Amino acid sequence: MKTKPFFGILILFLSTICFVSCNDDNSNKWYDSMSDGGPFYTGSVLRFYYVDEEGNDLINPEDFSTLPVTSLKQLDSQPVIESYDRHYNYNNEYNHIQYNEYTGLYNFFTFAFGDSRQSNYTFYVYYKGVADRMDVTFQYQDYKVNSGQDYISSTISWSVNGVEVYNIEKPSMRKYVYLVKKSDGTTSVVIDEEN
């Protein structure tokens, strides 16, 4: 009677396949908006450098007036930073600077801000009173995380002053974005990728 164990294993195997194939798993569905969503922020692979036309660092960790500051809306003047929240974190820890030994410059980090009720979101980063516009496009996964507070988000693209600096279709380990502050008051955007 060697067929009984084989037949039992076969039935178990087929039952497992049927159960898995009948499971309505929606975890891979992504949407452009969630009607019951809300504001959120998420990390990114982007690091920003503020440099002059000669490539000199414009961020000085000892001079708070040189720190870029994120704002969720356009303001009449730049938010004032008077101290670090903790080791080079500031602006309620939404922003951070870090020295990069390879470039010899300080890079700036900001979270990507969004609202899961819409796919596109705009926020601003101020440097010396001038705002650089950040436009981010997201998609959302159709189930909530963190005790039902947030949807899983994926950053699809990110533009600075109308120049796309990130696109999910062109992945990289980290992207360095140089915001070149020119003497005529304009800013040019230069991208360096680390794959």
N, C-alpha and C. Protein backbone atom coordinates (compact mmCIF):
# COMPACT_ATOMS: atom_id res chain seq x y z
N MET A 1 0.80 -1.19 0.00
CA MET A 1 0.00 0.00 0.00
C MET A 1 0.85 1.25 0.00
N LYS A 2 1.75 1.36 -0.90
CA LYS A 2 2.61 2.52 -1.00
C LYS A 2 1.89 3.70 -1.63
N THR A 3 0.74 3.49 -2.24
CA THR A 3 0.04 4.58 -2.92
C THR A 3 -0.70 5.50 -1.96
N LYS A 4 -1.06 5.02 -0.75
CA LYS A 4 -1.80 5.86 0.19
C LYS A 4 -1.00 7.09 0.61
N PRO A 5 0.27 6.95 1.06
CA PRO A 5 1.02 8.16 1.42
C PRO A 5 1.21 9.09 0.21
N PHE A 6 1.48 8.55 -0.95
CA PHE A 6 1.66 9.37 -2.15
C PHE A 6 0.37 10.11 -2.49
N PHE A 7 -0.78 9.41 -2.42
CA PHE A 7 -2.08 10.01 -2.72
C PHE A 7 -2.39 11.13 -1.71
N GLY A 8 -2.07 10.92 -0.45
CA GLY A 8 -2.30 11.93 0.60
C GLY A 8 -1.46 13.18 0.36
N ILE A 9 -0.20 12.97 -0.01
CA ILE A 9 0.69 14.10 -0.30
C ILE A 9 0.19 14.85 -1.53
N LEU A 10 -0.28 14.12 -2.54
CA LEU A 10 -0.79 14.75 -3.75
C LEU A 10 -2.02 15.61 -3.44
N ILE A 11 -2.93 15.09 -2.63
CA ILE A 11 -4.14 15.84 -2.25
C ILE A 11 -3.75 17.10 -1.46
N LEU A 12 -2.80 16.96 -0.52
CA LEU A 12 -2.33 18.10 0.27
C LEU A 12 -1.70 19.16 -0.64
N PHE A 13 -0.89 18.72 -1.60
CA PHE A 13 -0.24 19.63 -2.54
C PHE A 13 -1.26 20.39 -3.38
N LEU A 14 -2.24 19.67 -3.94
CA LEU A 14 -3.27 20.31 -4.77
C LEU A 14 -4.14 21.25 -3.95
N SER A 15 -4.45 20.88 -2.72
CA SER A 15 -5.25 21.74 -1.84
C SER A 15 -4.51 23.04 -1.56
N THR A 16 -3.21 22.93 -1.33
CA THR A 16 -2.39 24.12 -1.06
C THR A 16 -2.39 25.05 -2.26
N ILE A 17 -2.23 24.50 -3.46
CA ILE A 17 -2.23 25.32 -4.68
C ILE A 17 -3.57 26.01 -4.85
N CYS A 18 -4.66 25.29 -4.63
CA CYS A 18 -5.99 25.89 -4.75
C CYS A 18 -6.19 27.01 -3.74
N PHE A 19 -5.75 26.80 -2.50
CA PHE A 19 -5.89 27.81 -1.46
C PHE A 19 -5.11 29.07 -1.81
N VAL A 20 -3.87 28.88 -2.25
CA VAL A 20 -3.03 30.03 -2.60
C VAL A 20 -3.59 30.77 -3.80
N SER A 21 -4.05 30.06 -4.81
CA SER A 21 -4.55 30.72 -6.02
C SER A 21 -5.89 31.40 -5.78
N CYS A 22 -6.66 30.90 -4.78
CA CYS A 22 -7.95 31.52 -4.49
C CYS A 22 -7.82 32.69 -3.54
N ASN A 23 -6.67 32.85 -2.90
CA ASN A 23 -6.47 33.94 -1.97
C ASN A 23 -6.45 35.25 -2.73
N ASP A 24 -7.33 36.17 -2.37
CA ASP A 24 -7.43 37.46 -3.05
C ASP A 24 -6.42 38.43 -2.43
N ASP A 25 -5.19 38.33 -2.87
CA ASP A 25 -4.10 39.15 -2.33
C ASP A 25 -3.97 40.43 -3.15
N ASN A 26 -4.36 41.55 -2.55
CA ASN A 26 -4.31 42.84 -3.25
C ASN A 26 -3.07 43.64 -2.92
N SER A 27 -2.08 43.03 -2.27
CA SER A 27 -0.94 43.79 -1.77
C SER A 27 -0.08 44.37 -2.89
N ASN A 28 -0.24 43.93 -4.11
CA ASN A 28 0.57 44.46 -5.20
C ASN A 28 -0.15 45.54 -6.01
N LYS A 29 -1.33 45.95 -5.59
CA LYS A 29 -2.06 46.98 -6.32
C LYS A 29 -1.63 48.35 -5.84
N TRP A 30 -1.39 49.24 -6.79
CA TRP A 30 -0.97 50.60 -6.47
C TRP A 30 -1.98 51.57 -7.06
N TYR A 31 -2.18 52.67 -6.36
CA TYR A 31 -3.18 53.66 -6.75
C TYR A 31 -2.56 55.06 -6.72
N ASP A 32 -3.18 55.96 -7.48
CA ASP A 32 -2.71 57.33 -7.53
C ASP A 32 -3.20 58.17 -6.36
N SER A 33 -4.25 57.72 -5.69
CA SER A 33 -4.76 58.47 -4.54
C SER A 33 -5.59 57.54 -3.66
N MET A 34 -5.75 57.95 -2.41
CA MET A 34 -6.55 57.23 -1.44
C MET A 34 -7.52 58.23 -0.80
N SER A 35 -8.81 58.02 -0.98
CA SER A 35 -9.79 59.01 -0.55
C SER A 35 -9.76 59.25 0.96
N ASP A 36 -9.37 58.25 1.74
CA ASP A 36 -9.32 58.45 3.19
C ASP A 36 -7.89 58.65 3.68
N GLY A 37 -7.01 59.09 2.77
CA GLY A 37 -5.61 59.31 3.12
C GLY A 37 -5.40 60.64 3.83
N GLY A 38 -4.15 61.06 3.91
CA GLY A 38 -3.81 62.30 4.57
C GLY A 38 -2.34 62.64 4.40
N PRO A 39 -1.88 63.71 5.05
CA PRO A 39 -0.48 64.14 4.93
C PRO A 39 0.49 63.08 5.47
N PHE A 40 1.68 63.01 4.85
CA PHE A 40 2.71 62.08 5.30
C PHE A 40 4.06 62.59 4.83
N TYR A 41 5.12 61.95 5.30
CA TYR A 41 6.45 62.20 4.76
C TYR A 41 7.21 60.89 4.74
N THR A 42 8.18 60.80 3.82
CA THR A 42 8.93 59.57 3.64
C THR A 42 10.36 59.90 3.24
N GLY A 43 11.26 58.97 3.45
CA GLY A 43 12.67 59.15 3.10
C GLY A 43 12.89 59.09 1.60
N SER A 44 14.13 59.35 1.19
CA SER A 44 14.45 59.32 -0.24
C SER A 44 15.93 59.02 -0.43
N VAL A 45 16.31 58.74 -1.66
CA VAL A 45 17.71 58.49 -2.01
C VAL A 45 18.43 59.78 -2.39
N LEU A 46 17.73 60.91 -2.40
CA LEU A 46 18.31 62.17 -2.85
C LEU A 46 19.08 62.87 -1.73
N ARG A 47 20.25 63.38 -2.09
CA ARG A 47 21.02 64.25 -1.21
C ARG A 47 21.35 65.50 -2.02
N PHE A 48 21.13 66.64 -1.41
CA PHE A 48 21.30 67.92 -2.10
C PHE A 48 22.56 68.63 -1.62
N TYR A 49 23.27 69.23 -2.57
CA TYR A 49 24.43 70.06 -2.26
C TYR A 49 24.11 71.48 -2.72
N TYR A 50 24.42 72.43 -1.88
CA TYR A 50 24.26 73.85 -2.22
C TYR A 50 25.66 74.39 -2.44
N VAL A 51 25.93 74.77 -3.69
CA VAL A 51 27.27 75.24 -4.05
C VAL A 51 27.16 76.52 -4.87
N ASP A 52 28.29 77.25 -4.92
CA ASP A 52 28.33 78.42 -5.79
C ASP A 52 28.80 78.00 -7.17
N GLU A 53 29.00 78.96 -8.06
CA GLU A 53 29.36 78.65 -9.46
C GLU A 53 30.73 77.98 -9.58
N GLU A 54 31.59 78.16 -8.58
CA GLU A 54 32.91 77.52 -8.60
C GLU A 54 32.90 76.17 -7.88
N GLY A 55 31.75 75.75 -7.38
CA GLY A 55 31.64 74.46 -6.70
C GLY A 55 31.96 74.53 -5.22
N ASN A 56 32.09 75.73 -4.65
CA ASN A 56 32.37 75.88 -3.22
C ASN A 56 31.11 75.63 -2.40
N ASP A 57 31.30 75.01 -1.25
CA ASP A 57 30.19 74.67 -0.36
C ASP A 57 29.54 75.94 0.19
N LEU A 58 28.22 76.00 0.13
CA LEU A 58 27.48 77.13 0.69
C LEU A 58 26.87 76.81 2.04
N ILE A 59 26.97 75.54 2.47
CA ILE A 59 26.45 75.14 3.78
C ILE A 59 27.59 75.15 4.79
N ASN A 60 27.37 75.89 5.87
CA ASN A 60 28.34 75.96 6.97
C ASN A 60 27.60 75.54 8.23
N PRO A 61 27.95 74.39 8.83
CA PRO A 61 27.20 73.89 9.99
C PRO A 61 27.24 74.83 11.19
N GLU A 62 28.21 75.75 11.24
CA GLU A 62 28.31 76.70 12.35
C GLU A 62 27.46 77.94 12.12
N ASP A 63 27.01 78.15 10.90
CA ASP A 63 26.21 79.34 10.55
C ASP A 63 24.80 78.87 10.18
N PHE A 64 23.86 79.00 11.11
CA PHE A 64 22.50 78.50 10.90
C PHE A 64 21.79 79.17 9.73
N SER A 65 22.23 80.37 9.36
CA SER A 65 21.59 81.06 8.23
C SER A 65 21.91 80.40 6.90
N THR A 66 22.90 79.49 6.86
CA THR A 66 23.25 78.79 5.61
C THR A 66 22.55 77.44 5.48
N LEU A 67 21.74 77.07 6.48
CA LEU A 67 21.07 75.76 6.43
C LEU A 67 19.81 75.85 5.57
N PRO A 68 19.68 74.98 4.57
CA PRO A 68 18.42 74.91 3.81
C PRO A 68 17.30 74.43 4.72
N VAL A 69 16.09 74.97 4.54
CA VAL A 69 14.97 74.66 5.42
C VAL A 69 13.74 74.30 4.60
N THR A 70 13.15 73.14 4.90
CA THR A 70 11.95 72.69 4.21
C THR A 70 10.71 73.37 4.78
N SER A 71 9.79 73.73 3.88
CA SER A 71 8.49 74.28 4.28
C SER A 71 7.41 73.63 3.43
N LEU A 72 6.27 73.32 4.05
CA LEU A 72 5.18 72.70 3.32
C LEU A 72 4.41 73.70 2.47
N LYS A 73 4.63 74.98 2.68
CA LYS A 73 3.96 76.00 1.87
C LYS A 73 4.92 77.13 1.57
N GLN A 74 4.57 77.94 0.59
CA GLN A 74 5.38 79.08 0.22
C GLN A 74 5.24 80.15 1.29
N LEU A 75 6.36 80.71 1.71
CA LEU A 75 6.38 81.68 2.80
C LEU A 75 6.90 83.02 2.31
N ASP A 76 6.64 84.06 3.10
CA ASP A 76 7.17 85.39 2.78
C ASP A 76 8.65 85.49 3.13
N SER A 77 9.09 84.71 4.12
CA SER A 77 10.50 84.72 4.51
C SER A 77 10.90 83.33 4.96
N GLN A 78 12.20 83.09 4.98
CA GLN A 78 12.71 81.77 5.35
C GLN A 78 12.54 81.51 6.84
N PRO A 79 12.13 80.29 7.21
CA PRO A 79 12.08 79.94 8.63
C PRO A 79 13.47 80.08 9.27
N VAL A 80 13.51 80.56 10.51
CA VAL A 80 14.77 80.79 11.22
C VAL A 80 15.13 79.55 12.02
N ILE A 81 16.35 79.08 11.85
CA ILE A 81 16.88 77.97 12.63
C ILE A 81 17.85 78.54 13.65
N GLU A 82 17.62 78.23 14.92
CA GLU A 82 18.46 78.78 15.98
C GLU A 82 19.34 77.73 16.64
N SER A 83 19.02 76.45 16.43
CA SER A 83 19.83 75.38 17.01
C SER A 83 19.48 74.07 16.30
N TYR A 84 20.32 73.07 16.52
CA TYR A 84 20.03 71.74 16.01
C TYR A 84 19.12 71.02 16.99
N ASP A 85 18.21 70.18 16.46
CA ASP A 85 17.37 69.34 17.32
C ASP A 85 18.24 68.30 18.00
N ARG A 86 19.12 67.73 17.25
CA ARG A 86 20.17 66.84 17.73
C ARG A 86 21.18 66.76 16.59
N HIS A 87 22.24 66.07 16.75
CA HIS A 87 23.38 66.03 15.83
C HIS A 87 23.03 66.35 14.38
N TYR A 88 23.14 67.60 14.01
CA TYR A 88 22.92 68.12 12.64
C TYR A 88 21.53 67.86 12.09
N ASN A 89 20.57 67.51 12.94
CA ASN A 89 19.16 67.46 12.56
C ASN A 89 18.51 68.77 13.01
N TYR A 90 17.59 69.28 12.21
CA TYR A 90 16.93 70.54 12.57
C TYR A 90 15.58 70.61 11.86
N ASN A 91 14.84 71.70 12.13
CA ASN A 91 13.52 71.89 11.54
C ASN A 91 12.60 70.72 11.90
N ASN A 92 12.50 70.46 13.22
CA ASN A 92 11.71 69.33 13.73
C ASN A 92 12.19 67.99 13.18
N GLU A 93 13.48 67.91 12.91
CA GLU A 93 14.15 66.72 12.38
C GLU A 93 13.70 66.34 10.97
N TYR A 94 13.08 67.27 10.27
CA TYR A 94 12.73 67.04 8.87
C TYR A 94 13.96 67.21 7.97
N ASN A 95 14.95 67.95 8.46
CA ASN A 95 16.15 68.25 7.68
C ASN A 95 17.40 67.79 8.42
N HIS A 96 18.44 67.52 7.64
CA HIS A 96 19.70 67.02 8.20
C HIS A 96 20.82 67.41 7.24
N ILE A 97 21.96 67.77 7.79
CA ILE A 97 23.15 67.94 6.96
C ILE A 97 24.21 66.94 7.41
N GLN A 98 25.05 66.55 6.46
CA GLN A 98 26.11 65.58 6.76
C GLN A 98 27.30 65.87 5.86
N TYR A 99 28.47 65.77 6.43
CA TYR A 99 29.68 65.99 5.64
C TYR A 99 30.02 64.75 4.84
N ASN A 100 30.31 64.94 3.55
CA ASN A 100 30.69 63.84 2.67
C ASN A 100 32.18 63.98 2.38
N GLU A 101 32.97 63.04 2.89
CA GLU A 101 34.42 63.12 2.72
C GLU A 101 34.84 63.00 1.26
N TYR A 102 34.08 62.25 0.48
CA TYR A 102 34.41 62.06 -0.93
C TYR A 102 34.31 63.38 -1.71
N THR A 103 33.22 64.12 -1.48
CA THR A 103 33.03 65.38 -2.21
C THR A 103 33.67 66.56 -1.48
N GLY A 104 33.90 66.40 -0.17
CA GLY A 104 34.43 67.52 0.62
C GLY A 104 33.38 68.60 0.86
N LEU A 105 32.10 68.21 0.78
CA LEU A 105 30.99 69.15 0.92
C LEU A 105 29.97 68.60 1.90
N TYR A 106 29.16 69.51 2.46
CA TYR A 106 28.03 69.09 3.27
C TYR A 106 26.83 68.83 2.36
N ASN A 107 26.17 67.68 2.56
CA ASN A 107 24.94 67.45 1.81
C ASN A 107 23.74 67.65 2.72
N PHE A 108 22.62 67.93 2.10
CA PHE A 108 21.39 68.26 2.78
C PHE A 108 20.35 67.19 2.48
N PHE A 109 19.64 66.76 3.52
CA PHE A 109 18.56 65.78 3.37
C PHE A 109 17.24 66.42 3.76
N THR A 110 16.21 66.17 2.97
CA THR A 110 14.85 66.49 3.35
C THR A 110 13.97 65.29 3.06
N PHE A 111 13.00 65.08 3.93
CA PHE A 111 12.00 64.06 3.62
C PHE A 111 11.20 64.52 2.40
N ALA A 112 10.62 63.55 1.69
CA ALA A 112 9.66 63.87 0.62
C ALA A 112 8.30 63.97 1.29
N PHE A 113 7.63 65.09 1.11
CA PHE A 113 6.32 65.31 1.73
C PHE A 113 5.22 65.06 0.71
N GLY A 114 4.08 64.55 1.19
CA GLY A 114 2.97 64.27 0.31
C GLY A 114 1.65 64.23 1.05
N ASP A 115 0.60 63.93 0.32
CA ASP A 115 -0.73 63.75 0.87
C ASP A 115 -1.35 62.62 0.06
N SER A 116 -1.67 61.50 0.71
CA SER A 116 -2.11 60.32 -0.02
C SER A 116 -3.50 60.46 -0.64
N ARG A 117 -4.15 61.60 -0.46
CA ARG A 117 -5.41 61.86 -1.17
C ARG A 117 -5.15 62.34 -2.59
N GLN A 118 -3.87 62.52 -2.94
CA GLN A 118 -3.51 62.98 -4.30
C GLN A 118 -2.16 62.40 -4.68
N SER A 119 -1.89 62.33 -5.97
CA SER A 119 -0.62 61.74 -6.41
C SER A 119 0.51 62.76 -6.48
N ASN A 120 0.19 64.03 -6.68
CA ASN A 120 1.22 65.06 -6.80
C ASN A 120 1.21 65.97 -5.58
N TYR A 121 2.41 66.36 -5.16
CA TYR A 121 2.53 67.23 -4.00
C TYR A 121 3.69 68.19 -4.21
N THR A 122 3.53 69.42 -3.78
CA THR A 122 4.57 70.44 -3.89
C THR A 122 4.92 70.96 -2.51
N PHE A 123 6.22 71.03 -2.25
CA PHE A 123 6.71 71.71 -1.04
C PHE A 123 7.94 72.51 -1.45
N TYR A 124 8.55 73.21 -0.49
CA TYR A 124 9.62 74.16 -0.82
C TYR A 124 10.80 73.96 0.11
N VAL A 125 12.00 74.23 -0.41
CA VAL A 125 13.19 74.28 0.42
C VAL A 125 13.80 75.66 0.24
N TYR A 126 13.96 76.36 1.37
CA TYR A 126 14.49 77.73 1.35
C TYR A 126 15.99 77.71 1.63
N TYR A 127 16.70 78.52 0.83
CA TYR A 127 18.12 78.77 1.09
C TYR A 127 18.35 80.26 0.92
N LYS A 128 18.79 80.90 2.01
CA LYS A 128 19.04 82.35 2.01
C LYS A 128 17.83 83.12 1.52
N GLY A 129 16.64 82.68 1.92
CA GLY A 129 15.41 83.39 1.60
C GLY A 129 14.80 83.07 0.25
N VAL A 130 15.47 82.26 -0.56
CA VAL A 130 14.97 81.91 -1.90
C VAL A 130 14.46 80.46 -1.86
N ALA A 131 13.24 80.25 -2.37
CA ALA A 131 12.63 78.93 -2.33
C ALA A 131 12.93 78.14 -3.60
N ASP A 132 13.36 76.90 -3.42
CA ASP A 132 13.44 75.94 -4.52
C ASP A 132 12.20 75.07 -4.43
N ARG A 133 11.49 74.93 -5.55
CA ARG A 133 10.23 74.19 -5.57
C ARG A 133 10.49 72.71 -5.78
N MET A 134 9.90 71.89 -4.90
CA MET A 134 10.02 70.44 -4.96
C MET A 134 8.67 69.85 -5.35
N ASP A 135 8.59 69.20 -6.50
CA ASP A 135 7.36 68.56 -6.97
C ASP A 135 7.58 67.05 -6.96
N VAL A 136 6.77 66.33 -6.17
CA VAL A 136 6.94 64.89 -6.02
C VAL A 136 5.65 64.19 -6.44
N THR A 137 5.80 63.08 -7.18
CA THR A 137 4.66 62.26 -7.57
C THR A 137 4.77 60.91 -6.86
N PHE A 138 3.65 60.48 -6.26
CA PHE A 138 3.60 59.24 -5.49
C PHE A 138 2.56 58.28 -6.05
N GLN A 139 2.72 57.01 -5.67
CA GLN A 139 1.66 56.02 -5.79
C GLN A 139 1.53 55.37 -4.43
N TYR A 140 0.34 54.78 -4.17
CA TYR A 140 0.05 54.24 -2.85
C TYR A 140 -0.43 52.80 -2.94
N GLN A 141 0.01 52.00 -1.98
CA GLN A 141 -0.46 50.64 -1.92
C GLN A 141 -1.78 50.60 -1.16
N ASP A 142 -2.61 49.63 -1.52
CA ASP A 142 -4.01 49.68 -1.08
C ASP A 142 -4.28 49.08 0.30
N TYR A 143 -3.32 49.11 1.18
CA TYR A 143 -3.62 48.76 2.58
C TYR A 143 -2.80 49.65 3.49
N LYS A 144 -3.34 49.87 4.66
CA LYS A 144 -2.72 50.80 5.60
C LYS A 144 -1.66 50.10 6.44
N VAL A 145 -0.73 50.89 6.91
CA VAL A 145 0.33 50.42 7.80
C VAL A 145 0.33 51.30 9.05
N ASN A 146 1.20 50.99 10.00
CA ASN A 146 1.34 51.78 11.23
C ASN A 146 0.00 51.96 11.93
N SER A 147 -0.65 50.87 12.26
CA SER A 147 -1.93 50.88 12.98
C SER A 147 -3.01 51.66 12.24
N GLY A 148 -3.00 51.56 10.92
CA GLY A 148 -4.05 52.17 10.12
C GLY A 148 -3.91 53.67 9.90
N GLN A 149 -2.73 54.23 10.15
CA GLN A 149 -2.56 55.68 10.01
C GLN A 149 -2.10 56.10 8.60
N ASP A 150 -1.26 55.33 7.98
CA ASP A 150 -0.66 55.72 6.70
C ASP A 150 -0.77 54.59 5.68
N TYR A 151 -0.80 54.98 4.41
CA TYR A 151 -0.68 54.02 3.33
C TYR A 151 0.79 53.88 2.95
N ILE A 152 1.17 52.74 2.42
CA ILE A 152 2.52 52.58 1.90
C ILE A 152 2.63 53.43 0.65
N SER A 153 3.66 54.26 0.58
CA SER A 153 3.84 55.13 -0.57
C SER A 153 5.11 54.77 -1.32
N SER A 154 5.11 55.05 -2.60
CA SER A 154 6.28 54.88 -3.44
C SER A 154 6.49 56.16 -4.22
N THR A 155 7.70 56.70 -4.14
CA THR A 155 8.02 57.92 -4.88
C THR A 155 8.26 57.55 -6.35
N ILE A 156 7.47 58.12 -7.23
CA ILE A 156 7.56 57.83 -8.66
C ILE A 156 8.53 58.79 -9.34
N SER A 157 8.42 60.07 -9.01
CA SER A 157 9.33 61.06 -9.59
C SER A 157 9.46 62.25 -8.64
N TRP A 158 10.54 63.01 -8.84
CA TRP A 158 10.82 64.19 -8.02
C TRP A 158 11.49 65.21 -8.93
N SER A 159 10.96 66.41 -8.93
CA SER A 159 11.54 67.50 -9.72
C SER A 159 11.89 68.66 -8.81
N VAL A 160 12.98 69.35 -9.15
CA VAL A 160 13.40 70.56 -8.44
C VAL A 160 13.38 71.70 -9.45
N ASN A 161 12.57 72.71 -9.17
CA ASN A 161 12.45 73.87 -10.07
C ASN A 161 12.16 73.43 -11.51
N GLY A 162 11.34 72.39 -11.66
CA GLY A 162 10.95 71.92 -12.98
C GLY A 162 11.91 70.93 -13.63
N VAL A 163 13.04 70.62 -12.98
CA VAL A 163 14.02 69.67 -13.51
C VAL A 163 13.87 68.34 -12.78
N GLU A 164 13.57 67.27 -13.52
CA GLU A 164 13.42 65.96 -12.88
C GLU A 164 14.77 65.46 -12.39
N VAL A 165 14.84 65.17 -11.08
CA VAL A 165 16.08 64.69 -10.48
C VAL A 165 15.98 63.22 -10.06
N TYR A 166 14.75 62.68 -10.05
CA TYR A 166 14.57 61.27 -9.71
C TYR A 166 13.38 60.73 -10.48
N ASN A 167 13.53 59.49 -10.97
CA ASN A 167 12.44 58.78 -11.60
C ASN A 167 12.60 57.30 -11.25
N ILE A 168 11.52 56.67 -10.82
CA ILE A 168 11.57 55.28 -10.36
C ILE A 168 12.04 54.33 -11.46
N GLU A 169 11.88 54.73 -12.71
CA GLU A 169 12.29 53.88 -13.83
C GLU A 169 13.80 53.93 -14.06
N LYS A 170 14.50 54.84 -13.37
CA LYS A 170 15.96 54.94 -13.48
C LYS A 170 16.55 54.85 -12.07
N PRO A 171 16.51 53.67 -11.47
CA PRO A 171 16.94 53.54 -10.07
C PRO A 171 18.45 53.72 -9.90
N SER A 172 18.83 54.18 -8.71
CA SER A 172 20.24 54.27 -8.33
C SER A 172 20.32 54.16 -6.82
N MET A 173 21.49 53.81 -6.31
CA MET A 173 21.66 53.66 -4.87
C MET A 173 21.45 54.99 -4.16
N ARG A 174 21.98 56.05 -4.72
CA ARG A 174 21.84 57.37 -4.15
C ARG A 174 22.09 58.38 -5.26
N LYS A 175 21.35 59.48 -5.22
CA LYS A 175 21.55 60.54 -6.20
C LYS A 175 21.96 61.81 -5.48
N TYR A 176 22.98 62.46 -6.01
CA TYR A 176 23.43 63.73 -5.49
C TYR A 176 22.94 64.82 -6.44
N VAL A 177 22.25 65.78 -5.88
CA VAL A 177 21.71 66.88 -6.68
C VAL A 177 22.41 68.15 -6.24
N TYR A 178 23.10 68.78 -7.17
CA TYR A 178 23.80 70.03 -6.88
C TYR A 178 22.91 71.19 -7.28
N LEU A 179 22.58 72.03 -6.30
CA LEU A 179 21.83 73.25 -6.57
C LEU A 179 22.86 74.37 -6.60
N VAL A 180 23.17 74.79 -7.82
CA VAL A 180 24.21 75.79 -8.03
C VAL A 180 23.57 77.17 -7.95
N LYS A 181 23.91 77.89 -6.89
CA LYS A 181 23.37 79.23 -6.67
C LYS A 181 24.28 80.23 -7.37
N LYS A 182 23.75 80.85 -8.42
CA LYS A 182 24.56 81.73 -9.25
C LYS A 182 24.52 83.17 -8.75
N SER A 183 25.50 83.94 -9.16
CA SER A 183 25.60 85.33 -8.70
C SER A 183 24.45 86.19 -9.21
N ASP A 184 23.78 85.77 -10.29
CA ASP A 184 22.65 86.55 -10.80
C ASP A 184 21.34 86.20 -10.10
N GLY A 185 21.41 85.34 -9.06
CA GLY A 185 20.23 84.98 -8.28
C GLY A 185 19.48 83.76 -8.78
N THR A 186 19.92 83.19 -9.88
CA THR A 186 19.27 81.99 -10.42
C THR A 186 19.92 80.73 -9.84
N THR A 187 19.24 79.61 -10.02
CA THR A 187 19.74 78.31 -9.55
C THR A 187 19.74 77.33 -10.71
N SER A 188 20.84 76.64 -10.92
CA SER A 188 20.84 75.56 -11.90
C SER A 188 20.93 74.24 -11.13
N VAL A 189 20.38 73.19 -11.75
CA VAL A 189 20.29 71.88 -11.10
C VAL A 189 21.19 70.91 -11.86
N VAL A 190 22.13 70.27 -11.16
CA VAL A 190 23.06 69.32 -11.75
C VAL A 190 22.94 68.02 -10.97
N ILE A 191 22.83 66.88 -11.69
CA ILE A 191 22.59 65.58 -11.05
C ILE A 191 23.84 64.70 -11.20
N ASP A 192 24.21 64.04 -10.10
CA ASP A 192 25.29 63.06 -10.08
C ASP A 192 24.73 61.78 -9.46
N GLU A 193 24.83 60.66 -10.16
CA GLU A 193 24.26 59.40 -9.69
C GLU A 193 25.34 58.47 -9.15
N GLU A 194 24.99 57.77 -8.07
CA GLU A 194 25.85 56.71 -7.52
C GLU A 194 25.11 55.40 -7.68
N ASN A 195 25.58 54.54 -8.55
CA ASN A 195 24.88 53.27 -8.81
C ASN A 195 25.43 52.14 -7.99
